[in-house]
Amino acid sequence: MSANVSILLFLIIVIDYVVSTTILDQQGRPVAITPLGSVEGEWRTSFDGRRYAAFEGIPYAKPPIGDLRFAEPQPIEPWIDTWNATRIYKCPQIDNGQVIGFLSLEDVELPGSNGLRDQTLALKWVQDNIGSFNGNPGSVTLTGFSAGAASVHLHYLSSYSRGLFHR
């Protein structure tokens, strides 16, 4: 299990909606209005038969390409059209199966820790947007397995993550 597990934890956002407060588009799909723009999800059914709205692949940072390739993650800018949040997009930080967000040359060009900075930016996105999905910004839980668990532990210790999660 690699560190991209914890990154994907943030990229795949599935939030349980209260059906009576959901905004629907013309095709009956769930739509959330966020500070960055509207996102369209899809209806799914849980293992125990409950219907919920799922939203996946919503961007929280600009893609780390070009001048941003090894730079500190930058917040995504608002979009105009409705974002299709029914599929997962390829993570540009994963190069041939290798996570490059933790690569470091220990210099100013590539100081390292961008993987944790990326995760922190995702946590900030959650705080800024979770209310748009009927979520509670005061009740955010981090979890991880293997390298993802190590990332969670580092967030507990980091002052940059303070206040962005609660369990």
Protein backbone atom coordinates (compact mmCIF):
# COMPACT_ATOMS: atom_id res chain seq x y z
CA MET A 1 0.00 0.00 0.00
CA SER A 2 1.53 3.35 -0.98
CA ALA A 3 1.04 6.93 0.16
CA ASN A 4 -1.39 7.50 -2.71
CA VAL A 5 -3.99 5.64 -0.61
CA SER A 6 -4.33 8.63 1.68
CA ILE A 7 -4.38 11.01 -1.30
CA LEU A 8 -7.17 9.00 -2.89
CA LEU A 9 -8.99 9.09 0.44
CA PHE A 10 -9.40 12.81 -0.16
CA LEU A 11 -10.05 12.58 -3.88
CA ILE A 12 -12.92 10.16 -3.51
CA ILE A 13 -15.55 12.04 -1.64
CA VAL A 14 -18.79 10.21 -1.07
CA ILE A 15 -21.15 12.06 1.20
CA ASP A 16 -24.45 10.82 2.53
CA TYR A 17 -27.26 13.20 1.54
CA VAL A 18 -30.59 13.69 3.23
CA VAL A 19 -32.82 13.03 0.23
CA SER A 20 -35.38 15.69 1.13
CA THR A 21 -32.76 18.49 0.95
CA THR A 22 -31.01 17.38 -2.25
CA ILE A 23 -31.01 19.63 -5.31
CA LEU A 24 -31.74 17.63 -8.47
CA ASP A 25 -30.86 18.44 -12.07
CA GLN A 26 -33.22 17.87 -15.03
CA GLN A 27 -32.27 14.18 -15.18
CA GLY A 28 -32.90 13.68 -11.45
CA ARG A 29 -29.19 13.49 -10.52
CA PRO A 30 -27.97 15.10 -7.29
CA VAL A 31 -26.28 18.49 -7.56
CA ALA A 32 -24.33 20.35 -4.89
CA ILE A 33 -23.60 24.07 -5.10
CA THR A 34 -20.12 24.70 -3.67
CA PRO A 35 -18.15 27.95 -3.31
CA LEU A 36 -16.15 26.82 -6.38
CA GLY A 37 -19.13 25.95 -8.59
CA SER A 38 -21.80 23.30 -8.96
CA VAL A 39 -21.01 19.58 -9.03
CA GLU A 40 -23.21 16.79 -10.31
CA GLY A 41 -23.10 13.37 -8.68
CA GLU A 42 -25.03 10.16 -9.04
CA TRP A 43 -27.35 8.07 -6.93
CA ARG A 44 -26.00 4.83 -5.48
CA THR A 45 -27.26 2.18 -3.09
CA SER A 46 -25.33 1.09 0.00
CA PHE A 47 -24.81 -2.54 1.01
CA ASP A 48 -27.72 -2.25 3.42
CA GLY A 49 -30.03 -0.81 0.74
CA ARG A 50 -29.90 2.91 1.59
CA ARG A 51 -29.88 5.36 -1.32
CA TYR A 52 -27.19 8.06 -1.23
CA ALA A 53 -25.67 10.70 -3.47
CA ALA A 54 -22.06 10.06 -4.46
CA PHE A 55 -19.61 12.69 -5.72
CA GLU A 56 -16.16 11.60 -6.92
CA GLY A 57 -13.16 13.24 -8.51
CA ILE A 58 -13.88 16.81 -7.42
CA PRO A 59 -10.65 18.83 -7.75
CA TYR A 60 -9.25 20.65 -4.75
CA ALA A 61 -5.90 21.67 -6.26
CA LYS A 62 -4.51 22.70 -9.61
CA PRO A 63 -2.89 19.75 -11.40
CA PRO A 64 0.86 19.52 -10.63
CA ILE A 65 1.96 19.87 -14.24
CA GLY A 66 4.17 22.36 -16.06
CA ASP A 67 5.51 25.02 -13.69
CA LEU A 68 3.60 23.40 -10.81
CA ARG A 69 5.22 19.96 -11.33
CA PHE A 70 7.29 19.96 -8.12
CA ALA A 71 5.84 23.12 -6.55
CA GLU A 72 3.72 23.43 -3.44
CA PRO A 73 0.09 22.53 -4.25
CA GLN A 74 -2.13 25.43 -5.31
CA PRO A 75 -5.89 25.66 -4.65
CA ILE A 76 -8.17 25.03 -7.62
CA GLU A 77 -9.89 28.04 -9.14
CA PRO A 78 -13.71 28.20 -9.44
CA TRP A 79 -15.29 26.67 -12.53
CA ILE A 80 -18.21 27.94 -14.59
CA ASP A 81 -19.89 24.79 -15.92
CA THR A 82 -21.21 22.00 -13.72
CA TRP A 83 -18.40 19.63 -12.72
CA ASN A 84 -19.04 15.97 -13.56
CA ALA A 85 -18.40 14.27 -10.21
CA THR A 86 -19.41 10.79 -11.34
CA ARG A 87 -15.93 9.47 -12.16
CA ILE A 88 -12.44 9.38 -10.73
CA TYR A 89 -9.77 11.27 -12.65
CA LYS A 90 -6.16 10.12 -13.00
CA CYS A 91 -3.91 11.64 -10.34
CA PRO A 92 -1.01 13.48 -12.02
CA GLN A 93 1.16 12.94 -8.91
CA ILE A 94 1.37 9.24 -9.64
CA ASP A 95 4.01 8.56 -12.32
CA ASN A 96 4.22 4.91 -13.49
CA GLY A 97 2.90 3.71 -10.16
CA GLN A 98 5.29 5.87 -8.12
CA VAL A 99 4.00 8.62 -5.88
CA ILE A 100 6.14 11.69 -6.55
CA GLY A 101 4.54 13.95 -3.94
CA PHE A 102 7.04 12.69 -1.36
CA LEU A 103 10.11 12.99 -3.62
CA SER A 104 12.80 15.28 -2.20
CA LEU A 105 16.24 16.50 -3.24
CA GLU A 106 16.49 18.42 0.06
CA ASP A 107 16.97 21.73 -1.75
CA VAL A 108 14.81 24.76 -2.64
CA GLU A 109 13.80 23.25 -5.99
CA LEU A 110 12.43 20.04 -4.51
CA PRO A 111 12.27 20.32 -0.70
CA GLY A 112 9.83 17.43 -0.23
CA SER A 113 6.68 17.09 1.88
CA ASN A 114 4.47 18.16 -1.04
CA GLY A 115 2.46 15.00 -0.49
CA LEU A 116 1.53 16.16 3.01
CA ARG A 117 0.96 19.70 1.75
CA ASP A 118 -1.35 18.27 -0.90
CA GLN A 119 -3.29 16.35 1.73
CA THR A 120 -3.52 19.46 3.93
CA LEU A 121 -4.91 21.42 0.98
CA ALA A 122 -7.49 18.65 0.51
CA LEU A 123 -8.44 18.94 4.20
CA LYS A 124 -8.87 22.71 3.76
CA TRP A 125 -11.10 22.02 0.75
CA VAL A 126 -13.20 19.68 2.89
CA GLN A 127 -13.59 22.37 5.57
CA ASP A 128 -14.61 24.97 2.97
CA ASN A 129 -17.00 22.72 1.04
CA ILE A 130 -18.41 19.96 3.25
CA GLY A 131 -21.41 22.10 4.18
CA SER A 132 -22.43 22.12 0.50
CA PHE A 133 -22.91 18.35 0.82
CA ASN A 134 -24.85 18.57 4.12
CA GLY A 135 -21.68 17.53 5.97
CA ASN A 136 -20.43 18.85 9.30
CA PRO A 137 -17.09 20.71 9.17
CA GLY A 138 -16.80 20.13 12.92
CA SER A 139 -16.79 16.35 12.51
CA VAL A 140 -14.11 15.32 10.00
CA THR A 141 -12.40 11.96 10.57
CA LEU A 142 -9.06 10.86 9.09
CA THR A 143 -8.23 7.22 8.56
CA GLY A 144 -5.62 5.33 6.63
CA PHE A 145 -3.98 1.98 6.10
CA SER A 146 -0.24 1.31 5.89
CA ALA A 147 1.41 4.42 4.38
CA GLY A 148 -1.96 6.19 4.62
CA ALA A 149 -1.96 5.53 8.37
CA ALA A 150 1.49 7.12 8.58
CA SER A 151 0.12 10.20 6.80
CA VAL A 152 -2.76 10.40 9.29
CA HIS A 153 -0.26 10.21 12.15
CA LEU A 154 1.80 13.04 10.63
CA HIS A 155 -1.34 15.19 10.32
CA TYR A 156 -2.01 14.68 14.04
CA LEU A 157 1.47 16.10 14.72
CA SER A 158 1.45 18.91 12.15
CA SER A 159 0.43 22.43 13.11
CA TYR A 160 -0.60 22.97 9.45
CA SER A 161 -3.40 20.42 9.84
CA ARG A 162 -4.65 21.68 13.19
CA GLY A 163 -8.39 22.36 13.20
CA LEU A 164 -8.93 20.71 9.80
CA PHE A 165 -10.04 17.36 11.26
CA HIS A 166 -11.37 16.16 14.60
CA ARG A 167 -10.80 12.42 14.85
